[in-house]
Amino acid sequence: MRARRPDPVVVTDMHEPLILVHRRQIRTRLVMMVVWIIGWVVAGALWRHGYLATGILLGSGPGIWILWWLVTARRPAGRRQAVTARAPRALPGPHEPRR
């Protein structure tokens, strides 16, 4: 019989739940995508003016992404610590008050 491999040690420096980070990223990307789609509509209306349409497309899409990346403050890496498993939830005993 083979010996069981030890559990991996997971290390993180996150200060908030991962779901909150993902929600914020998705919301930001959704807003930027809407702005880019509006840029496409405006550029489509000005398609005869090639330079203007190209400038609108590049400015409303990649331009905003690059500007966002340059302007937003990066959070410095925090102190890394091992993630521990949650303790199992215990049911209250027959004589303990309910919460």
Protein backbone atom coordinates (compact mmCIF):
# COMPACT_ATOMS: atom_id res chain seq x y z
CA MET A 1 0.00 0.00 0.00
CA ARG A 2 1.34 3.41 -0.95
CA ALA A 3 1.76 6.15 1.60
CA ARG A 4 -0.60 9.07 1.23
CA ARG A 5 0.94 12.21 -0.13
CA PRO A 6 0.98 15.11 2.36
CA ASP A 7 -1.57 17.83 1.77
CA PRO A 8 -0.20 20.81 -0.17
CA VAL A 9 0.35 24.05 1.69
CA VAL A 10 -1.64 26.86 0.08
CA VAL A 11 -0.22 30.33 0.62
CA THR A 12 -2.05 33.57 -0.12
CA ASP A 13 -1.77 37.27 0.54
CA MET A 14 -5.41 38.05 -0.19
CA HIS A 15 -7.26 40.27 2.27
CA GLU A 16 -10.76 39.66 0.94
CA PRO A 17 -12.67 36.68 -0.43
CA LEU A 18 -11.87 35.65 -3.98
CA ILE A 19 -15.49 36.06 -5.07
CA LEU A 20 -15.32 39.79 -4.29
CA VAL A 21 -12.16 40.17 -6.36
CA HIS A 22 -13.76 38.36 -9.29
CA ARG A 23 -16.97 40.41 -9.08
CA ARG A 24 -15.00 43.65 -9.17
CA GLN A 25 -12.89 42.48 -12.13
CA ILE A 26 -15.93 41.32 -14.09
CA ARG A 27 -17.83 44.56 -13.38
CA THR A 28 -14.86 46.66 -14.50
CA ARG A 29 -14.39 44.64 -17.68
CA LEU A 30 -18.10 44.79 -18.45
CA VAL A 31 -18.13 48.60 -18.20
CA MET A 32 -15.03 48.85 -20.41
CA MET A 33 -16.59 46.50 -22.97
CA VAL A 34 -19.77 48.62 -23.09
CA VAL A 35 -17.65 51.72 -23.69
CA TRP A 36 -15.82 49.91 -26.50
CA ILE A 37 -19.10 48.80 -28.10
CA ILE A 38 -20.34 52.40 -27.99
CA GLY A 39 -17.04 53.35 -29.66
CA TRP A 40 -17.75 50.79 -32.39
CA VAL A 41 -21.21 52.30 -32.97
CA VAL A 42 -19.81 55.83 -33.19
CA ALA A 43 -16.98 54.68 -35.45
CA GLY A 44 -19.51 52.87 -37.65
CA ALA A 45 -21.42 56.11 -38.06
CA LEU A 46 -18.18 57.87 -39.08
CA TRP A 47 -16.83 55.11 -41.31
CA ARG A 48 -16.12 57.48 -44.19
CA HIS A 49 -13.54 59.28 -42.08
CA GLY A 50 -11.07 56.45 -41.63
CA TYR A 51 -8.61 58.16 -39.30
CA LEU A 52 -11.33 59.40 -36.99
CA ALA A 53 -13.06 55.99 -36.86
CA THR A 54 -9.75 54.22 -36.19
CA GLY A 55 -8.91 56.71 -33.44
CA ILE A 56 -12.30 56.21 -31.81
CA LEU A 57 -11.91 52.41 -31.89
CA LEU A 58 -8.40 52.45 -30.48
CA GLY A 59 -9.24 55.12 -27.92
CA SER A 60 -12.46 53.53 -26.69
CA GLY A 61 -11.04 49.99 -26.43
CA PRO A 62 -7.33 49.37 -25.89
CA GLY A 63 -6.76 53.01 -24.96
CA ILE A 64 -9.05 52.78 -21.94
CA TRP A 65 -7.59 49.42 -20.91
CA ILE A 66 -4.04 50.80 -20.98
CA LEU A 67 -5.08 53.99 -19.20
CA TRP A 68 -6.88 51.96 -16.51
CA TRP A 69 -3.82 49.75 -16.03
CA LEU A 70 -1.52 52.78 -15.69
CA VAL A 71 -3.76 54.86 -13.40
CA THR A 72 -5.13 52.33 -10.92
CA ALA A 73 -3.04 51.85 -7.82
CA ARG A 74 -1.53 48.45 -7.35
CA ARG A 75 -1.90 47.01 -3.89
CA PRO A 76 1.50 46.01 -2.55
CA ALA A 77 1.93 42.34 -1.76
CA GLY A 78 0.96 41.66 1.81
CA ARG A 79 2.39 39.24 4.30
CA ARG A 80 1.87 35.77 2.94
CA GLN A 81 0.37 33.20 5.24
CA ALA A 82 -0.75 29.62 4.92
CA VAL A 83 -4.45 29.03 4.36
CA THR A 84 -5.89 26.71 6.98
CA ALA A 85 -8.96 24.58 6.65
CA ARG A 86 -12.08 25.80 8.43
CA ALA A 87 -13.01 24.04 11.61
CA PRO A 88 -16.11 21.89 11.17
CA ARG A 89 -19.28 23.56 12.35
CA ALA A 90 -20.62 21.97 15.47
CA LEU A 91 -24.29 21.58 16.14
CA PRO A 92 -25.48 22.93 19.50
CA GLY A 93 -25.95 20.37 22.21
CA PRO A 94 -29.36 19.71 23.79
CA HIS A 95 -28.70 22.09 26.70
CA GLU A 96 -26.95 24.89 24.79
CA PRO A 97 -28.91 27.97 23.73
CA ARG A 98 -29.38 28.45 20.00
CA ARG A 99 -27.68 31.35 18.27
